[in-house]
PDB file of N, CA and C in Angstrom:
ATOM      1  N   UNK A   1       0.229  -1.136   0.042  1.00  0.00           N
ATOM      2  CA  UNK A   1      -0.019   0.210   0.095  1.00  0.00           C
ATOM      3  C   UNK A   1       0.995   0.972  -0.455  1.00  0.00           C
ATOM      4  N   UNK A   2       0.644   2.299  -0.807  1.00  0.00           N
ATOM      5  CA  UNK A   2       1.060   3.550  -0.758  1.00  0.00           C
ATOM      6  C   UNK A   2       0.233   4.600  -0.298  1.00  0.00           C
ATOM      7  N   UNK A   3       0.973   5.302   0.163  1.00  0.00           N
ATOM      8  CA  UNK A   3       0.290   7.124   0.712  1.00  0.00           C
ATOM      9  C   UNK A   3      -0.453   7.906  -0.825  1.00  0.00           C
ATOM     10  N   UNK A   4      -1.944   7.873  -0.725  1.00  0.00           N
ATOM     11  CA  UNK A   4      -2.494   8.595  -1.262  1.00  0.00           C
ATOM     12  C   UNK A   4      -2.185  10.026  -1.346  1.00  0.00           C
ATOM     13  N   UNK A   5      -1.042  10.815  -1.830  1.00  0.00           N
ATOM     14  CA  UNK A   5      -0.753  12.304  -2.175  1.00  0.00           C
ATOM     15  C   UNK A   5      -1.750  13.053  -2.393  1.00  0.00           C
ATOM     16  N   UNK A   6      -2.303  12.696  -2.930  1.00  0.00           N
ATOM     17  CA  UNK A   6      -3.805  13.794  -3.280  1.00  0.00           C
ATOM     18  C   UNK A   6      -4.573  13.738  -2.129  1.00  0.00           C
ATOM     19  N   UNK A   7      -5.084  12.900  -1.048  1.00  0.00           N
ATOM     20  CA  UNK A   7      -5.498  12.767  -0.174  1.00  0.00           C
ATOM     21  C   UNK A   7      -4.757  13.433   0.940  1.00  0.00           C
ATOM     22  N   UNK A   8      -3.649  13.202   0.993  1.00  0.00           N
ATOM     23  CA  UNK A   8      -2.670  14.240   2.033  1.00  0.00           C
ATOM     24  C   UNK A   8      -2.489  15.320   1.879  1.00  0.00           C
ATOM     25  N   UNK A   9      -2.522  15.642   0.751  1.00  0.00           N
ATOM     26  CA  UNK A   9      -2.514  17.165   0.894  1.00  0.00           C
ATOM     27  C   UNK A   9      -3.735  18.422   0.680  1.00  0.00           C
ATOM     28  N   UNK A  10      -5.387  17.434   0.846  1.00  0.00           N
ATOM     29  CA  UNK A  10      -6.440  17.434   1.404  1.00  0.00           C
ATOM     30  C   UNK A  10      -6.461  17.192   2.585  1.00  0.00           C
ATOM     31  N   UNK A  11      -5.897  16.384   3.405  1.00  0.00           N
ATOM     32  CA  UNK A  11      -5.501  16.323   5.219  1.00  0.00           C
ATOM     33  C   UNK A  11      -4.858  17.348   5.115  1.00  0.00           C
ATOM     34  N   UNK A  12      -3.929  18.607   4.156  1.00  0.00           N
ATOM     35  CA  UNK A  12      -2.948  19.175   4.798  1.00  0.00           C
ATOM     36  C   UNK A  12      -3.480  20.027   5.039  1.00  0.00           C
ATOM     37  N   UNK A  13      -4.968  20.902   4.495  1.00  0.00           N
ATOM     38  CA  UNK A  13      -5.160  21.623   3.701  1.00  0.00           C
ATOM     39  C   UNK A  13      -6.926  22.261   5.042  1.00  0.00           C
ATOM     40  N   UNK A  14      -7.349  20.820   4.991  1.00  0.00           N
ATOM     41  CA  UNK A  14      -7.885  20.270   6.453  1.00  0.00           C
ATOM     42  C   UNK A  14      -7.642  20.779   7.744  1.00  0.00           C
ATOM     43  N   UNK A  15      -6.208  20.826   7.976  1.00  0.00           N
ATOM     44  CA  UNK A  15      -5.413  20.800   9.036  1.00  0.00           C
ATOM     45  C   UNK A  15      -5.389  22.707   9.050  1.00  0.00           C
ATOM     46  N   UNK A  16      -4.203  23.188   8.391  1.00  0.00           N
ATOM     47  CA  UNK A  16      -4.703  24.823   8.094  1.00  0.00           C
ATOM     48  C   UNK A  16      -6.122  25.617   9.072  1.00  0.00           C
ATOM     49  N   UNK A  17      -7.018  24.806   8.210  1.00  0.00           N
ATOM     50  CA  UNK A  17      -8.155  25.681   8.210  1.00  0.00           C
ATOM     51  C   UNK A  17      -9.095  24.780   9.929  1.00  0.00           C
ATOM     52  N   UNK A  18      -8.830  23.922   9.903  1.00  0.00           N
ATOM     53  CA  UNK A  18      -8.826  23.407  11.875  1.00  0.00           C
ATOM     54  C   UNK A  18      -7.864  24.094  12.700  1.00  0.00           C
ATOM     55  N   UNK A  19      -7.227  24.457  12.379  1.00  0.00           N
ATOM     56  CA  UNK A  19      -6.703  25.203  13.555  1.00  0.00           C
ATOM     57  C   UNK A  19      -6.687  27.077  12.994  1.00  0.00           C
ATOM     58  N   UNK A  20      -7.353  26.903  12.155  1.00  0.00           N
ATOM     59  CA  UNK A  20      -7.463  27.732  12.165  1.00  0.00           C
ATOM     60  C   UNK A  20      -8.966  28.239  12.515  1.00  0.00           C
ATOM     61  N   UNK A  21      -9.566  27.762  12.909  1.00  0.00           N
ATOM     62  CA  UNK A  21     -10.970  27.492  13.917  1.00  0.00           C
ATOM     63  C   UNK A  21     -10.676  27.674  15.167  1.00  0.00           C
ATOM     64  N   UNK A  22      -9.117  26.292  16.033  1.00  0.00           N
ATOM     65  CA  UNK A  22      -8.813  26.393  17.241  1.00  0.00           C
ATOM     66  C   UNK A  22      -8.450  27.676  17.174  1.00  0.00           C
ATOM     67  N   UNK A  23      -8.616  28.732  16.817  1.00  0.00           N
ATOM     68  CA  UNK A  23      -7.891  29.981  17.895  1.00  0.00           C
ATOM     69  C   UNK A  23      -9.124  30.988  17.557  1.00  0.00           C
ATOM     70  N   UNK A  24      -9.488  31.021  16.208  1.00  0.00           N
ATOM     71  CA  UNK A  24     -10.587  31.943  16.791  1.00  0.00           C
ATOM     72  C   UNK A  24     -12.134  31.532  17.541  1.00  0.00           C
ATOM     73  N   UNK A  25     -12.702  30.465  17.492  1.00  0.00           N
ATOM     74  CA  UNK A  25     -13.291  30.025  18.399  1.00  0.00           C
ATOM     75  C   UNK A  25     -13.650  30.837  19.835  1.00  0.00           C
ATOM     76  N   UNK A  26     -11.886  30.534  20.319  1.00  0.00           N
ATOM     77  CA  UNK A  26     -12.043  30.437  21.996  1.00  0.00           C
ATOM     78  C   UNK A  26     -12.459  32.363  21.599  1.00  0.00           C
ATOM     79  N   UNK A  27     -11.682  32.860  20.697  1.00  0.00           N
ATOM     80  CA  UNK A  27     -10.833  33.844  20.391  1.00  0.00           C
ATOM     81  C   UNK A  27     -12.745  34.708  20.695  1.00  0.00           C
ATOM     82  N   UNK A  28     -13.769  34.737  19.696  1.00  0.00           N
ATOM     83  CA  UNK A  28     -14.772  35.117  19.776  1.00  0.00           C
ATOM     84  C   UNK A  28     -15.450  35.077  21.278  1.00  0.00           C
ATOM     85  N   UNK A  29     -15.708  34.068  21.577  1.00  0.00           N
ATOM     86  CA  UNK A  29     -16.036  33.605  22.945  1.00  0.00           C
ATOM     87  C   UNK A  29     -15.263  34.120  24.307  1.00  0.00           C
ATOM     88  N   UNK A  30     -14.193  34.282  23.731  1.00  0.00           N
ATOM     89  CA  UNK A  30     -13.785  35.543  25.021  1.00  0.00           C
ATOM     90  C   UNK A  30     -14.303  36.997  24.953  1.00  0.00           C
ATOM     91  N   UNK A  31     -13.855  37.752  23.806  1.00  0.00           N
ATOM     92  CA  UNK A  31     -15.200  38.743  23.300  1.00  0.00           C
ATOM     93  C   UNK A  31     -16.045  38.687  23.883  1.00  0.00           C
ATOM     94  N   UNK A  32     -16.943  37.612  23.294  1.00  0.00           N
ATOM     95  CA  UNK A  32     -18.330  37.954  24.386  1.00  0.00           C
ATOM     96  C   UNK A  32     -18.564  37.708  25.344  1.00  0.00           C
ATOM     97  N   UNK A  33     -18.048  36.775  26.604  1.00  0.00           N
ATOM     98  CA  UNK A  33     -18.087  36.943  27.737  1.00  0.00           C
ATOM     99  C   UNK A  33     -17.632  37.901  28.438  1.00  0.00           C
ATOM    100  N   UNK A  34     -16.698  38.552  27.519  1.00  0.00           N
ATOM    101  CA  UNK A  34     -16.005  39.935  28.057  1.00  0.00           C
ATOM    102  C   UNK A  34     -17.335  40.981  27.782  1.00  0.00           C
ATOM    103  N   UNK A  35     -17.825  41.300  27.296  1.00  0.00           N
ATOM    104  CA  UNK A  35     -18.943  42.098  26.585  1.00  0.00           C
ATOM    105  C   UNK A  35     -20.411  41.610  26.717  1.00  0.00           C
ATOM    106  N   UNK A  36     -20.748  41.034  27.766  1.00  0.00           N
ATOM    107  CA  UNK A  36     -22.030  40.682  28.581  1.00  0.00           C
ATOM    108  C   UNK A  36     -23.124  41.758  28.175  1.00  0.00           C
ATOM    109  N   UNK A  37     -23.053  43.137  29.457  1.00  0.00           N
ATOM    110  CA  UNK A  37     -23.716  43.747  29.112  1.00  0.00           C
ATOM    111  C   UNK A  37     -23.978  44.466  27.290  1.00  0.00           C
ATOM    112  N   UNK A  38     -23.629  44.333  26.581  1.00  0.00           N
ATOM    113  CA  UNK A  38     -23.741  45.234  24.553  1.00  0.00           C
ATOM    114  C   UNK A  38     -24.250  43.810  24.671  1.00  0.00           C
ATOM    115  N   UNK A  39     -25.202  44.647  23.616  1.00  0.00           N
ATOM    116  CA  UNK A  39     -26.726  44.270  23.181  1.00  0.00           C
ATOM    117  C   UNK A  39     -26.510  43.330  21.659  1.00  0.00           C
ATOM    118  N   UNK A  40     -25.416  42.610  21.422  1.00  0.00           N
ATOM    119  CA  UNK A  40     -24.924  41.985  20.928  1.00  0.00           C
ATOM    120  C   UNK A  40     -24.234  40.497  21.408  1.00  0.00           C
ATOM    121  N   UNK A  41     -24.388  40.245  22.684  1.00  0.00           N
ATOM    122  CA  UNK A  41     -23.601  39.163  23.370  1.00  0.00           C
ATOM    123  C   UNK A  41     -23.942  37.993  22.650  1.00  0.00           C
ATOM    124  N   UNK A  42     -25.886  38.056  22.572  1.00  0.00           N
ATOM    125  CA  UNK A  42     -25.831  36.329  22.182  1.00  0.00           C
ATOM    126  C   UNK A  42     -25.472  36.226  21.007  1.00  0.00           C
ATOM    127  N   UNK A  43     -26.030  36.807  19.647  1.00  0.00           N
ATOM    128  CA  UNK A  43     -25.311  37.142  18.307  1.00  0.00           C
ATOM    129  C   UNK A  43     -23.664  36.123  18.210  1.00  0.00           C
ATOM    130  N   UNK A  44     -23.017  37.121  19.218  1.00  0.00           N
ATOM    131  CA  UNK A  44     -21.416  37.121  19.325  1.00  0.00           C
ATOM    132  C   UNK A  44     -21.167  35.384  19.730  1.00  0.00           C
ATOM    133  N   UNK A  45     -21.728  35.478  20.656  1.00  0.00           N
ATOM    134  CA  UNK A  45     -21.937  34.089  21.574  1.00  0.00           C
ATOM    135  C   UNK A  45     -22.366  32.396  20.394  1.00  0.00           C
ATOM    136  N   UNK A  46     -23.190  33.323  19.847  1.00  0.00           N
ATOM    137  CA  UNK A  46     -23.828  32.057  19.034  1.00  0.00           C
ATOM    138  C   UNK A  46     -22.649  31.168  17.986  1.00  0.00           C
ATOM    139  N   UNK A  47     -22.534  32.825  17.941  1.00  0.00           N
ATOM    140  CA  UNK A  47     -21.154  32.265  16.741  1.00  0.00           C
ATOM    141  C   UNK A  47     -20.146  31.928  17.417  1.00  0.00           C
ATOM    142  N   UNK A  48     -19.399  31.988  18.288  1.00  0.00           N
ATOM    143  CA  UNK A  48     -18.665  31.428  19.137  1.00  0.00           C
ATOM    144  C   UNK A  48     -18.910  30.075  19.408  1.00  0.00           C
ATOM    145  N   UNK A  49     -19.267  29.984  19.381  1.00  0.00           N
ATOM    146  CA  UNK A  49     -20.236  28.061  19.872  1.00  0.00           C
ATOM    147  C   UNK A  49     -20.266  27.440  18.689  1.00  0.00           C
ATOM    148  N   UNK A  50     -20.636  28.190  17.676  1.00  0.00           N
ATOM    149  CA  UNK A  50     -21.089  27.166  16.187  1.00  0.00           C
ATOM    150  C   UNK A  50     -19.354  27.009  15.378  1.00  0.00           C
ATOM    151  N   UNK A  51     -18.407  28.096  15.714  1.00  0.00           N
ATOM    152  CA  UNK A  51     -17.246  27.943  15.471  1.00  0.00           C
ATOM    153  C   UNK A  51     -16.594  26.793  16.156  1.00  0.00           C
ATOM    154  N   UNK A  52     -16.517  26.748  17.780  1.00  0.00           N
ATOM    155  CA  UNK A  52     -16.309  25.700  18.459  1.00  0.00           C
ATOM    156  C   UNK A  52     -16.527  24.607  17.974  1.00  0.00           C
ATOM    157  N   UNK A  53     -17.645  24.235  17.766  1.00  0.00           N
ATOM    158  CA  UNK A  53     -18.348  23.507  17.325  1.00  0.00           C
ATOM    159  C   UNK A  53     -17.920  22.623  15.741  1.00  0.00           C
ATOM    160  N   UNK A  54     -17.094  23.522  15.350  1.00  0.00           N
ATOM    161  CA  UNK A  54     -16.857  23.986  14.037  1.00  0.00           C
ATOM    162  C   UNK A  54     -16.115  23.124  13.883  1.00  0.00           C
ATOM    163  N   UNK A  55     -14.654  23.297  15.101  1.00  0.00           N
ATOM    164  CA  UNK A  55     -13.485  23.625  15.129  1.00  0.00           C
ATOM    165  C   UNK A  55     -13.102  21.727  15.038  1.00  0.00           C
ATOM    166  N   UNK A  56     -13.891  21.289  16.252  1.00  0.00           N
ATOM    167  CA  UNK A  56     -14.242  20.042  16.529  1.00  0.00           C
ATOM    168  C   UNK A  56     -14.608  18.795  15.471  1.00  0.00           C
ATOM    169  N   UNK A  57     -15.513  19.509  15.498  1.00  0.00           N
ATOM    170  CA  UNK A  57     -15.653  18.250  14.004  1.00  0.00           C
ATOM    171  C   UNK A  57     -14.364  17.985  12.766  1.00  0.00           C
ATOM    172  N   UNK A  58     -14.346  19.039  12.260  1.00  0.00           N
ATOM    173  CA  UNK A  58     -13.437  19.179  11.492  1.00  0.00           C
ATOM    174  C   UNK A  58     -11.977  18.989  12.056  1.00  0.00           C
ATOM    175  N   UNK A  59     -12.014  18.779  12.835  1.00  0.00           N
ATOM    176  CA  UNK A  59     -10.417  18.237  13.238  1.00  0.00           C
ATOM    177  C   UNK A  59     -10.567  16.643  13.419  1.00  0.00           C
ATOM    178  N   UNK A  60     -12.126  15.913  13.306  1.00  0.00           N
ATOM    179  CA  UNK A  60     -12.681  14.222  13.534  1.00  0.00           C
ATOM    180  C   UNK A  60     -12.435  13.998  11.990  1.00  0.00           C
ATOM    181  N   UNK A  61     -12.852  15.110  10.816  1.00  0.00           N
ATOM    182  CA  UNK A  61     -12.745  14.975   9.583  1.00  0.00           C
ATOM    183  C   UNK A  61     -11.165  15.129   9.525  1.00  0.00           C
ATOM    184  N   UNK A  62     -10.306  15.994   9.680  1.00  0.00           N
ATOM    185  CA  UNK A  62      -9.449  15.628   9.237  1.00  0.00           C
ATOM    186  C   UNK A  62      -8.323  14.925  10.009  1.00  0.00           C
ATOM    187  N   UNK A  63      -8.828  14.038  10.744  1.00  0.00           N
ATOM    188  CA  UNK A  63      -7.886  13.246  11.310  1.00  0.00           C
ATOM    189  C   UNK A  63      -8.300  11.966  10.602  1.00  0.00           C
ATOM    190  N   UNK A  64      -9.522  11.765  10.427  1.00  0.00           N
ATOM    191  CA  UNK A  64     -10.238  10.963   9.114  1.00  0.00           C
ATOM    192  C   UNK A  64      -9.402  10.810   8.096  1.00  0.00           C
ATOM    193  N   UNK A  65      -9.613  12.031   7.672  1.00  0.00           N
ATOM    194  CA  UNK A  65      -8.330  12.294   6.279  1.00  0.00           C
ATOM    195  C   UNK A  65      -7.132  11.609   6.004  1.00  0.00           C
ATOM    196  N   UNK A  66      -6.884  11.748   6.984  1.00  0.00           N
ATOM    197  CA  UNK A  66      -5.033  11.873   7.094  1.00  0.00           C
ATOM    198  C   UNK A  66      -4.987   9.597   7.165  1.00  0.00           C
ATOM    199  N   UNK A  67      -5.684   9.096   8.193  1.00  0.00           N
ATOM    200  CA  UNK A  67      -6.012   8.351   8.107  1.00  0.00           C
ATOM    201  C   UNK A  67      -6.331   7.365   6.720  1.00  0.00           C
ATOM    202  N   UNK A  68      -6.809   7.820   6.025  1.00  0.00           N
ATOM    203  CA  UNK A  68      -7.454   7.517   4.875  1.00  0.00           C
ATOM    204  C   UNK A  68      -6.240   6.972   3.980  1.00  0.00           C
ATOM    205  N   UNK A  69      -6.038   8.562   3.958  1.00  0.00           N
ATOM    206  CA  UNK A  69      -4.314   8.688   2.273  1.00  0.00           C
ATOM    207  C   UNK A  69      -3.418   7.875   3.133  1.00  0.00           C
ATOM    208  N   UNK A  70      -3.032   7.898   4.466  1.00  0.00           N
ATOM    209  CA  UNK A  70      -2.071   7.073   4.491  1.00  0.00           C
ATOM    210  C   UNK A  70      -2.347   4.692   4.986  1.00  0.00           C
ATOM    211  N   UNK A  71      -3.174   4.900   5.443  1.00  0.00           N
ATOM    212  CA  UNK A  71      -3.099   3.802   5.482  1.00  0.00           C
ATOM    213  C   UNK A  71      -4.406   2.873   4.146  1.00  0.00           C
ATOM    214  N   UNK A  72      -5.492   3.827   3.809  1.00  0.00           N
ATOM    215  CA  UNK A  72      -5.829   3.766   2.512  1.00  0.00           C
ATOM    216  C   UNK A  72      -7.807   3.072   3.367  1.00  0.00           C
ATOM    217  N   UNK A  73      -8.441   2.482   2.443  1.00  0.00           N
ATOM    218  CA  UNK A  73      -9.719   2.358   2.778  1.00  0.00           C
ATOM    219  C   UNK A  73     -10.011   1.042   2.689  1.00  0.00           C
ATOM    220  N   UNK A  74     -10.609   0.052   3.988  1.00  0.00           N
ATOM    221  CA  UNK A  74     -10.622  -1.052   4.098  1.00  0.00           C
ATOM    222  C   UNK A  74     -11.258  -1.751   2.905  1.00  0.00           C
ATOM    223  N   UNK A  75     -11.091  -2.600   2.264  1.00  0.00           N
ATOM    224  CA  UNK A  75     -11.523  -3.897   1.386  1.00  0.00           C
ATOM    225  C   UNK A  75     -12.589  -4.581   1.744  1.00  0.00           C
ATOM    226  N   UNK A  76     -14.198  -4.625   1.636  1.00  0.00           N
ATOM    227  CA  UNK A  76     -15.049  -5.245   1.712  1.00  0.00           C
ATOM    228  C   UNK A  76     -14.467  -6.719   1.451  1.00  0.00           C
ATOM    229  N   UNK A  77     -14.373  -7.743   2.321  1.00  0.00           N
ATOM    230  CA  UNK A  77     -14.738  -9.626   1.537  1.00  0.00           C
ATOM    231  C   UNK A  77     -15.729  -9.952   2.303  1.00  0.00           C
TER     232      UNK A  77
END
């Protein structure tokens, strides 16, 4: 079995996107909690929570993509 280089490059792109979300989500949540008396508190909090959930989801998808690139799909017997 050989490494699927195209899928590996795709996984590296997902890593960059995931890392970006991992830094952006806590920043947005921090800004929301810092400004609780502001009128835009609830929308910013919701955006931060969605970004955090997306970061977790993309993290799992990235790991799945790397595993498929390195080990390939299992053949059905």
